[in-house]
Amino acid sequence: MLTKRIIPCLDIKDGRTVKGVNFLGLRDAGDPVELARRYTNEGADELVFLDITATKEKRKTLVKLVTEIAREISIPFTVGGGIRSVDEIEEILKAGADKVSLNSSIVRYPELLTRSSEAFGSQAIVAAVDAKRTGNSWEVYVKGGSEPTGIDAIEWMVKTEKLGAGEILLTSMDRDGTKSGFDLELLKTVNDLVSIPVIASGGAGTIRHCIDAVSIGNADAVLAASIFHFREIEIINLKANMAQAGIPVRLLNQLTD
């Protein structure tokens, strides 16, 4: 069985790591380069960098900062935010990213998923989906969670796989920053319908939440921010508890062998 991944997330605004609740009320969480270095040393499996205001500000991702972080880490690195073309994807990958995360751009131009996966391989293309519950379903939001689209999130995620995405980064906007647990219904619903890996995001507050995301929600990876940034949960302890729960994870000694 494939090991389940623990992924810290760096939400970037004005060159700093920030964190809010339900995509609002951002507060400073530290220097992204220092955090990236720390997470590599602490046994994170991957790192995600999201330039959360790039799309809203109609600018490109901070390539210089991507390069600085890539130099400091030895784990897979995913970058997203404001990426709108195959050329920009190439620039980010050349800067040191292993994968790119696409959100608003693929909602507007779904063919970008196909073109980019053909150019760089589906393993390098992550479909990021910000989903908000509306009644008994979930709606896709874009532009850093500020704009509803009217698109059904489950249907959209099924479509992204068909278009060429190699992975889905699924964020529950309702749970983001609340530390109330992942939206297990949302996770299980999409995982029953797609075969590509799904990263659970939005709601991590306890070790049990992370275990449930995998064991109940069937997530392939757990992404979190503030619980790691502010040392509320140590990655090594989280992995030890997941292993005790029967979840296959890569422990720190295995990462350094």
C-alpha atoms as a PDB file:
ATOM      1  CA  MET A   1       0.000   0.000   0.000  1.00  0.00           C
ATOM      2  CA  LEU A   2       1.246   3.475  -0.838  1.00  0.00           C
ATOM      3  CA  THR A   3       2.275   5.583   2.136  1.00  0.00           C
ATOM      4  CA  LYS A   4       0.011   8.460   3.097  1.00  0.00           C
ATOM      5  CA  ARG A   5       1.641  11.890   2.929  1.00  0.00           C
ATOM      6  CA  ILE A   6       1.808  14.761   5.401  1.00  0.00           C
ATOM      7  CA  ILE A   7       2.047  18.101   3.602  1.00  0.00           C
ATOM      8  CA  PRO A   8       2.562  21.496   5.264  1.00  0.00           C
ATOM      9  CA  CYS A   9       1.152  24.398   3.262  1.00  0.00           C
ATOM     10  CA  LEU A  10       2.702  27.841   2.911  1.00  0.00           C
ATOM     11  CA  ASP A  11       0.004  30.378   2.060  1.00  0.00           C
ATOM     12  CA  ILE A  12       1.963  33.376   0.786  1.00  0.00           C
ATOM     13  CA  LYS A  13       0.951  37.044   0.808  1.00  0.00           C
ATOM     14  CA  ASP A  14       3.436  39.875   0.242  1.00  0.00           C
ATOM     15  CA  GLY A  15       6.304  37.414   0.546  1.00  0.00           C
ATOM     16  CA  ARG A  16       5.282  36.157   4.008  1.00  0.00           C
ATOM     17  CA  THR A  17       3.511  33.021   5.200  1.00  0.00           C
ATOM     18  CA  VAL A  18      -0.003  33.835   6.419  1.00  0.00           C
ATOM     19  CA  LYS A  19      -2.994  31.943   7.764  1.00  0.00           C
ATOM     20  CA  GLY A  20      -6.642  32.860   8.232  1.00  0.00           C
ATOM     21  CA  VAL A  21     -10.049  31.306   8.880  1.00  0.00           C
ATOM     22  CA  ASN A  22     -12.429  30.552   6.011  1.00  0.00           C
ATOM     23  CA  PHE A  23      -9.938  32.376   3.736  1.00  0.00           C
ATOM     24  CA  LEU A  24     -10.336  35.604   5.785  1.00  0.00           C
ATOM     25  CA  GLY A  25      -8.565  37.385   8.674  1.00  0.00           C
ATOM     26  CA  LEU A  26      -5.018  36.601   7.604  1.00  0.00           C
ATOM     27  CA  ARG A  27      -2.252  36.730  10.217  1.00  0.00           C
ATOM     28  CA  ASP A  28       1.493  36.405   9.836  1.00  0.00           C
ATOM     29  CA  ALA A  29       2.903  32.901  10.324  1.00  0.00           C
ATOM     30  CA  GLY A  30       6.571  33.420   9.552  1.00  0.00           C
ATOM     31  CA  ASP A  31       9.267  33.474   6.903  1.00  0.00           C
ATOM     32  CA  PRO A  32       8.473  30.954   4.160  1.00  0.00           C
ATOM     33  CA  VAL A  33      12.095  29.997   3.492  1.00  0.00           C
ATOM     34  CA  GLU A  34      12.741  29.273   7.167  1.00  0.00           C
ATOM     35  CA  LEU A  35       9.518  27.285   7.459  1.00  0.00           C
ATOM     36  CA  ALA A  36      10.320  25.287   4.327  1.00  0.00           C
ATOM     37  CA  ARG A  37      13.737  24.375   5.736  1.00  0.00           C
ATOM     38  CA  ARG A  38      12.181  23.397   9.048  1.00  0.00           C
ATOM     39  CA  TYR A  39       9.570  21.144   7.480  1.00  0.00           C
ATOM     40  CA  THR A  40      12.164  19.325   5.412  1.00  0.00           C
ATOM     41  CA  ASN A  41      14.147  18.603   8.568  1.00  0.00           C
ATOM     42  CA  GLU A  42      11.057  17.551  10.515  1.00  0.00           C
ATOM     43  CA  GLY A  43      10.023  14.828   8.081  1.00  0.00           C
ATOM     44  CA  ALA A  44       7.321  16.392   5.905  1.00  0.00           C
ATOM     45  CA  ASP A  45       6.679  14.324   2.778  1.00  0.00           C
ATOM     46  CA  GLU A  46       5.997  17.276   0.509  1.00  0.00           C
ATOM     47  CA  LEU A  47       5.564  21.045   0.649  1.00  0.00           C
ATOM     48  CA  VAL A  48       2.870  23.195  -0.967  1.00  0.00           C
ATOM     49  CA  PHE A  49       3.374  26.914  -1.733  1.00  0.00           C
ATOM     50  CA  LEU A  50       0.249  28.891  -2.609  1.00  0.00           C
ATOM     51  CA  ASP A  51       0.542  32.548  -3.631  1.00  0.00           C
ATOM     52  CA  ILE A  52      -2.976  33.253  -2.430  1.00  0.00           C
ATOM     53  CA  THR A  53      -3.401  36.782  -3.805  1.00  0.00           C
ATOM     54  CA  ALA A  54      -1.722  36.366  -7.192  1.00  0.00           C
ATOM     55  CA  THR A  55      -4.922  35.674  -9.144  1.00  0.00           C
ATOM     56  CA  LYS A  56      -6.938  38.407  -7.435  1.00  0.00           C
ATOM     57  CA  GLU A  57      -4.099  40.878  -8.020  1.00  0.00           C
ATOM     58  CA  LYS A  58      -3.761  39.673 -11.629  1.00  0.00           C
ATOM     59  CA  ARG A  59      -0.055  38.979 -11.347  1.00  0.00           C
ATOM     60  CA  LYS A  60       2.298  36.036 -11.700  1.00  0.00           C
ATOM     61  CA  THR A  61       3.470  33.803  -8.877  1.00  0.00           C
ATOM     62  CA  LEU A  62       6.531  34.999  -6.958  1.00  0.00           C
ATOM     63  CA  VAL A  63       9.133  33.056  -8.944  1.00  0.00           C
ATOM     64  CA  LYS A  64      12.120  34.439  -7.013  1.00  0.00           C
ATOM     65  CA  LEU A  65      10.685  33.190  -3.729  1.00  0.00           C
ATOM     66  CA  VAL A  66       9.932  29.811  -5.302  1.00  0.00           C
ATOM     67  CA  THR A  67      13.589  29.552  -6.331  1.00  0.00           C
ATOM     68  CA  GLU A  68      14.793  30.471  -2.831  1.00  0.00           C
ATOM     69  CA  ILE A  69      12.597  27.821  -1.217  1.00  0.00           C
ATOM     70  CA  ALA A  70      13.507  25.136  -3.759  1.00  0.00           C
ATOM     71  CA  ARG A  71      17.180  25.589  -2.907  1.00  0.00           C
ATOM     72  CA  GLU A  72      16.479  24.861   0.767  1.00  0.00           C
ATOM     73  CA  ILE A  73      14.406  21.680   0.529  1.00  0.00           C
ATOM     74  CA  SER A  74      14.834  18.092  -0.606  1.00  0.00           C
ATOM     75  CA  ILE A  75      11.189  17.020  -0.725  1.00  0.00           C
ATOM     76  CA  PRO A  76       8.635  17.336  -3.556  1.00  0.00           C
ATOM     77  CA  PHE A  77       7.456  20.921  -3.942  1.00  0.00           C
ATOM     78  CA  THR A  78       4.111  22.062  -5.365  1.00  0.00           C
ATOM     79  CA  VAL A  79       3.522  25.708  -6.321  1.00  0.00           C
ATOM     80  CA  GLY A  80       0.244  27.444  -7.121  1.00  0.00           C
ATOM     81  CA  GLY A  81      -1.268  30.896  -7.482  1.00  0.00           C
ATOM     82  CA  GLY A  82      -1.796  33.053 -10.549  1.00  0.00           C
ATOM     83  CA  ILE A  83      -0.489  30.453 -13.025  1.00  0.00           C
ATOM     84  CA  ARG A  84      -2.334  30.960 -16.307  1.00  0.00           C
ATOM     85  CA  SER A  85      -0.379  29.366 -19.150  1.00  0.00           C
ATOM     86  CA  VAL A  86       1.886  26.511 -20.212  1.00  0.00           C
ATOM     87  CA  ASP A  87       4.777  28.984 -20.400  1.00  0.00           C
ATOM     88  CA  GLU A  88       4.226  30.071 -16.792  1.00  0.00           C
ATOM     89  CA  ILE A  89       4.059  26.438 -15.694  1.00  0.00           C
ATOM     90  CA  GLU A  90       7.394  25.830 -17.382  1.00  0.00           C
ATOM     91  CA  GLU A  91       8.867  28.852 -15.613  1.00  0.00           C
ATOM     92  CA  ILE A  92       7.719  27.585 -12.212  1.00  0.00           C
ATOM     93  CA  LEU A  93       9.050  24.077 -12.840  1.00  0.00           C
ATOM     94  CA  LYS A  94      12.397  25.480 -13.975  1.00  0.00           C
ATOM     95  CA  ALA A  95      12.487  27.569 -10.784  1.00  0.00           C
ATOM     96  CA  GLY A  96      12.541  24.337  -8.786  1.00  0.00           C
ATOM     97  CA  ALA A  97       8.948  23.195  -8.337  1.00  0.00           C
ATOM     98  CA  ASP A  98       8.110  19.536  -8.930  1.00  0.00           C
ATOM     99  CA  LYS A  99       4.395  20.194  -9.491  1.00  0.00           C
ATOM    100  CA  VAL A 100       2.106  23.125 -10.172  1.00  0.00           C
ATOM    101  CA  SER A 101      -1.309  23.686  -8.663  1.00  0.00           C
ATOM    102  CA  LEU A 102      -3.944  25.166 -10.968  1.00  0.00           C
ATOM    103  CA  ASN A 103      -7.272  26.552  -9.788  1.00  0.00           C
ATOM    104  CA  SER A 104      -8.903  29.679 -11.231  1.00  0.00           C
ATOM    105  CA  SER A 105      -7.148  29.328 -14.580  1.00  0.00           C
ATOM    106  CA  ILE A 106      -8.468  25.822 -15.298  1.00  0.00           C
ATOM    107  CA  VAL A 107     -12.017  26.781 -14.337  1.00  0.00           C
ATOM    108  CA  ARG A 108     -11.818  29.507 -16.961  1.00  0.00           C
ATOM    109  CA  TYR A 109      -9.763  27.503 -19.474  1.00  0.00           C
ATOM    110  CA  PRO A 110     -10.215  23.757 -18.808  1.00  0.00           C
ATOM    111  CA  GLU A 111      -8.056  22.937 -21.832  1.00  0.00           C
ATOM    112  CA  LEU A 112      -5.041  24.219 -19.875  1.00  0.00           C
ATOM    113  CA  LEU A 113      -5.195  21.010 -17.843  1.00  0.00           C
ATOM    114  CA  THR A 114      -4.907  18.878 -20.948  1.00  0.00           C
ATOM    115  CA  ARG A 115      -2.220  21.000 -22.573  1.00  0.00           C
ATOM    116  CA  SER A 116      -0.092  21.159 -19.431  1.00  0.00           C
ATOM    117  CA  SER A 117      -0.379  17.450 -18.624  1.00  0.00           C
ATOM    118  CA  GLU A 118       0.629  16.635 -22.192  1.00  0.00           C
ATOM    119  CA  ALA A 119       3.590  18.999 -21.959  1.00  0.00           C
ATOM    120  CA  PHE A 120       4.910  18.060 -18.517  1.00  0.00           C
ATOM    121  CA  GLY A 121       3.168  14.822 -17.532  1.00  0.00           C
ATOM    122  CA  SER A 122       0.059  14.489 -15.395  1.00  0.00           C
ATOM    123  CA  GLN A 123       2.225  13.798 -12.327  1.00  0.00           C
ATOM    124  CA  ALA A 124       3.276  17.466 -12.401  1.00  0.00           C
ATOM    125  CA  ILE A 125      -0.250  18.881 -12.631  1.00  0.00           C
ATOM    126  CA  VAL A 126      -2.449  19.331  -9.553  1.00  0.00           C
ATOM    127  CA  ALA A 127      -6.059  20.491  -9.847  1.00  0.00           C
ATOM    128  CA  ALA A 128      -6.747  22.685  -6.822  1.00  0.00           C
ATOM    129  CA  VAL A 129     -10.410  22.962  -5.870  1.00  0.00           C
ATOM    130  CA  ASP A 130     -11.819  25.361  -3.276  1.00  0.00           C
ATOM    131  CA  ALA A 131     -15.242  23.946  -2.410  1.00  0.00           C
ATOM    132  CA  LYS A 132     -18.013  25.478  -0.313  1.00  0.00           C
ATOM    133  CA  ARG A 133     -21.106  23.639   0.816  1.00  0.00           C
ATOM    134  CA  THR A 134     -24.435  24.799  -0.597  1.00  0.00           C
ATOM    135  CA  GLY A 135     -27.228  22.647   0.791  1.00  0.00           C
ATOM    136  CA  ASN A 136     -26.492  19.021  -0.063  1.00  0.00           C
ATOM    137  CA  SER A 137     -23.742  19.803  -2.565  1.00  0.00           C
ATOM    138  CA  TRP A 138     -20.547  21.822  -2.884  1.00  0.00           C
ATOM    139  CA  GLU A 139     -19.768  24.755  -5.173  1.00  0.00           C
ATOM    140  CA  VAL A 140     -16.406  25.651  -6.726  1.00  0.00           C
ATOM    141  CA  TYR A 141     -14.976  29.048  -5.752  1.00  0.00           C
ATOM    142  CA  VAL A 142     -12.092  30.826  -7.496  1.00  0.00           C
ATOM    143  CA  LYS A 143      -9.818  33.851  -7.012  1.00  0.00           C
ATOM    144  CA  GLY A 144      -8.627  32.840  -3.577  1.00  0.00           C
ATOM    145  CA  GLY A 145     -12.093  31.760  -2.509  1.00  0.00           C
ATOM    146  CA  SER A 146     -13.626  35.155  -3.225  1.00  0.00           C
ATOM    147  CA  GLU A 147     -15.778  34.337  -6.257  1.00  0.00           C
ATOM    148  CA  PRO A 148     -18.466  31.649  -6.621  1.00  0.00           C
ATOM    149  CA  THR A 149     -18.703  29.913  -9.988  1.00  0.00           C
ATOM    150  CA  GLY A 150     -21.979  28.007  -9.872  1.00  0.00           C
ATOM    151  CA  ILE A 151     -20.015  24.845 -10.752  1.00  0.00           C
ATOM    152  CA  ASP A 152     -20.708  21.642  -8.829  1.00  0.00           C
ATOM    153  CA  ALA A 153     -17.432  20.733  -7.105  1.00  0.00           C
ATOM    154  CA  ILE A 154     -17.852  16.960  -7.309  1.00  0.00           C
ATOM    155  CA  GLU A 155     -18.637  17.039 -11.005  1.00  0.00           C
ATOM    156  CA  TRP A 156     -15.723  19.401 -11.586  1.00  0.00           C
ATOM    157  CA  MET A 157     -13.219  17.158  -9.821  1.00  0.00           C
ATOM    158  CA  VAL A 158     -14.330  14.151 -11.863  1.00  0.00           C
ATOM    159  CA  LYS A 159     -13.837  16.278 -14.972  1.00  0.00           C
ATOM    160  CA  THR A 160     -10.351  17.419 -13.947  1.00  0.00           C
ATOM    161  CA  GLU A 161      -9.177  13.809 -13.868  1.00  0.00           C
ATOM    162  CA  LYS A 162     -10.525  13.224 -17.363  1.00  0.00           C
ATOM    163  CA  LEU A 163      -8.815  16.408 -18.582  1.00  0.00           C
ATOM    164  CA  GLY A 164      -5.410  15.251 -17.369  1.00  0.00           C
ATOM    165  CA  ALA A 165      -4.900  16.244 -13.719  1.00  0.00           C
ATOM    166  CA  GLY A 166      -2.657  13.834 -11.852  1.00  0.00           C
ATOM    167  CA  GLU A 167      -3.801  14.870  -8.389  1.00  0.00           C
ATOM    168  CA  ILE A 168      -6.492  16.927  -6.673  1.00  0.00           C
ATOM    169  CA  LEU A 169      -5.876  19.392  -3.847  1.00  0.00           C
ATOM    170  CA  LEU A 170      -9.307  19.691  -2.259  1.00  0.00           C
ATOM    171  CA  THR A 171      -9.894  22.498   0.237  1.00  0.00           C
ATOM    172  CA  SER A 172     -13.117  22.755   2.204  1.00  0.00           C
ATOM    173  CA  MET A 173     -13.720  26.485   2.511  1.00  0.00           C
ATOM    174  CA  ASP A 174     -16.204  25.852   5.323  1.00  0.00           C
ATOM    175  CA  ARG A 175     -13.553  24.105   7.405  1.00  0.00           C
ATOM    176  CA  ASP A 176     -10.474  26.131   6.422  1.00  0.00           C
ATOM    177  CA  GLY A 177      -8.660  27.435   9.502  1.00  0.00           C
ATOM    178  CA  THR A 178     -11.437  26.323  11.867  1.00  0.00           C
ATOM    179  CA  LYS A 179      -9.551  23.302  13.286  1.00  0.00           C
ATOM    180  CA  SER A 180     -12.919  21.530  13.454  1.00  0.00           C
ATOM    181  CA  GLY A 181     -11.914  18.577  11.305  1.00  0.00           C
ATOM    182  CA  PHE A 182     -11.901  17.843   7.597  1.00  0.00           C
ATOM    183  CA  ASP A 183     -15.146  17.583   5.642  1.00  0.00           C
ATOM    184  CA  LEU A 184     -15.174  13.789   5.578  1.00  0.00           C
ATOM    185  CA  GLU A 185     -18.365  13.593   3.528  1.00  0.00           C
ATOM    186  CA  LEU A 186     -16.826  15.755   0.821  1.00  0.00           C
ATOM    187  CA  LEU A 187     -13.628  13.701   0.814  1.00  0.00           C
ATOM    188  CA  LYS A 188     -15.387  10.353   0.691  1.00  0.00           C
ATOM    189  CA  THR A 189     -17.782  11.487  -2.029  1.00  0.00           C
ATOM    190  CA  VAL A 190     -15.031  12.540  -4.423  1.00  0.00           C
ATOM    191  CA  ASN A 191     -12.743   9.619  -3.574  1.00  0.00           C
ATOM    192  CA  ASP A 192     -15.526   7.219  -4.522  1.00  0.00           C
ATOM    193  CA  LEU A 193     -15.573   8.776  -7.996  1.00  0.00           C
ATOM    194  CA  VAL A 194     -11.949   9.501  -8.946  1.00  0.00           C
ATOM    195  CA  SER A 195      -8.871   7.291  -9.139  1.00  0.00           C
ATOM    196  CA  ILE A 196      -6.169   9.974  -8.842  1.00  0.00           C
ATOM    197  CA  PRO A 197      -4.787  10.958  -5.411  1.00  0.00           C
ATOM    198  CA  VAL A 198      -6.780  13.481  -3.382  1.00  0.00           C
ATOM    199  CA  ILE A 199      -5.092  15.772  -0.843  1.00  0.00           C
ATOM    200  CA  ALA A 200      -7.362  16.733   2.072  1.00  0.00           C
ATOM    201  CA  SER A 201      -7.174  20.406   3.039  1.00  0.00           C
ATOM    202  CA  GLY A 202      -9.177  22.608   5.391  1.00  0.00           C
ATOM    203  CA  GLY A 203      -9.992  21.841   9.013  1.00  0.00           C
ATOM    204  CA  ALA A 204      -7.001  20.069  10.558  1.00  0.00           C
ATOM    205  CA  GLY A 205      -6.929  20.702  14.284  1.00  0.00           C
ATOM    206  CA  THR A 206      -6.006  17.400  15.934  1.00  0.00           C
ATOM    207  CA  ILE A 207      -4.163  14.203  15.177  1.00  0.00           C
ATOM    208  CA  ARG A 208      -7.514  12.385  15.078  1.00  0.00           C
ATOM    209  CA  HIS A 209      -8.737  14.739  12.340  1.00  0.00           C
ATOM    210  CA  CYS A 210      -5.780  13.725  10.167  1.00  0.00           C
ATOM    211  CA  ILE A 211      -6.308  10.031  10.841  1.00  0.00           C
ATOM    212  CA  ASP A 212     -10.005  10.341   9.973  1.00  0.00           C
ATOM    213  CA  ALA A 213      -9.228  12.153   6.708  1.00  0.00           C
ATOM    214  CA  VAL A 214      -7.353   9.049   5.586  1.00  0.00           C
ATOM    215  CA  SER A 215      -9.271   6.227   7.248  1.00  0.00           C
ATOM    216  CA  ILE A 216     -12.792   7.609   6.713  1.00  0.00           C
ATOM    217  CA  GLY A 217     -12.385  10.200   3.954  1.00  0.00           C
ATOM    218  CA  ASN A 218      -9.983   7.979   1.980  1.00  0.00           C
ATOM    219  CA  ALA A 219      -7.566  10.867   1.407  1.00  0.00           C
ATOM    220  CA  ASP A 220      -4.140  10.051   0.007  1.00  0.00           C
ATOM    221  CA  ALA A 221      -2.509  12.966   1.799  1.00  0.00           C
ATOM    222  CA  VAL A 222      -3.265  15.436   4.573  1.00  0.00           C
ATOM    223  CA  LEU A 223      -2.400  19.111   4.124  1.00  0.00           C
ATOM    224  CA  ALA A 224      -2.333  21.561   7.007  1.00  0.00           C
ATOM    225  CA  ALA A 225      -0.905  24.965   7.855  1.00  0.00           C
ATOM    226  CA  SER A 226      -1.392  26.606  11.243  1.00  0.00           C
ATOM    227  CA  ILE A 227      -1.113  23.423  13.334  1.00  0.00           C
ATOM    228  CA  PHE A 228       2.383  22.982  11.893  1.00  0.00           C
ATOM    229  CA  HIS A 229       3.397  26.654  11.644  1.00  0.00           C
ATOM    230  CA  PHE A 230       2.640  27.314  15.312  1.00  0.00           C
ATOM    231  CA  ARG A 231       3.860  23.888  16.490  1.00  0.00           C
ATOM    232  CA  GLU A 232       0.482  22.794  17.800  1.00  0.00           C
ATOM    233  CA  ILE A 233       1.222  19.376  16.308  1.00  0.00           C
ATOM    234  CA  GLU A 234       4.688  18.071  15.466  1.00  0.00           C
ATOM    235  CA  ILE A 235       4.952  16.148  12.205  1.00  0.00           C
ATOM    236  CA  ILE A 236       6.945  13.346  13.827  1.00  0.00           C
ATOM    237  CA  ASN A 237       4.223  12.827  16.465  1.00  0.00           C
ATOM    238  CA  LEU A 238       1.460  12.947  13.881  1.00  0.00           C
ATOM    239  CA  LYS A 239       3.169  10.274  11.796  1.00  0.00           C
ATOM    240  CA  ALA A 240       3.803   8.084  14.837  1.00  0.00           C
ATOM    241  CA  ASN A 241       0.122   8.222  15.758  1.00  0.00           C
ATOM    242  CA  MET A 242      -0.964   7.518  12.201  1.00  0.00           C
ATOM    243  CA  ALA A 243       1.355   4.510  12.086  1.00  0.00           C
ATOM    244  CA  GLN A 244      -0.129   3.245  15.366  1.00  0.00           C
ATOM    245  CA  ALA A 245      -3.563   3.570  13.781  1.00  0.00           C
ATOM    246  CA  GLY A 246      -2.439   1.258  10.979  1.00  0.00           C
ATOM    247  CA  ILE A 247      -1.919   3.972   8.375  1.00  0.00           C
ATOM    248  CA  PRO A 248       1.232   3.512   6.262  1.00  0.00           C
ATOM    249  CA  VAL A 249       3.471   6.580   6.573  1.00  0.00           C
ATOM    250  CA  ARG A 250       7.131   7.288   5.898  1.00  0.00           C
ATOM    251  CA  LEU A 251       8.868   7.897   9.193  1.00  0.00           C
ATOM    252  CA  LEU A 252      11.770  10.326   9.638  1.00  0.00           C
ATOM    253  CA  ASN A 253      14.451   7.596   9.761  1.00  0.00           C
ATOM    254  CA  GLN A 254      13.099   6.228   6.493  1.00  0.00           C
ATOM    255  CA  LEU A 255      13.274   9.681   4.911  1.00  0.00           C
ATOM    256  CA  THR A 256      16.941  10.076   5.791  1.00  0.00           C
ATOM    257  CA  ASP A 257      18.128   6.545   4.901  1.00  0.00           C
END
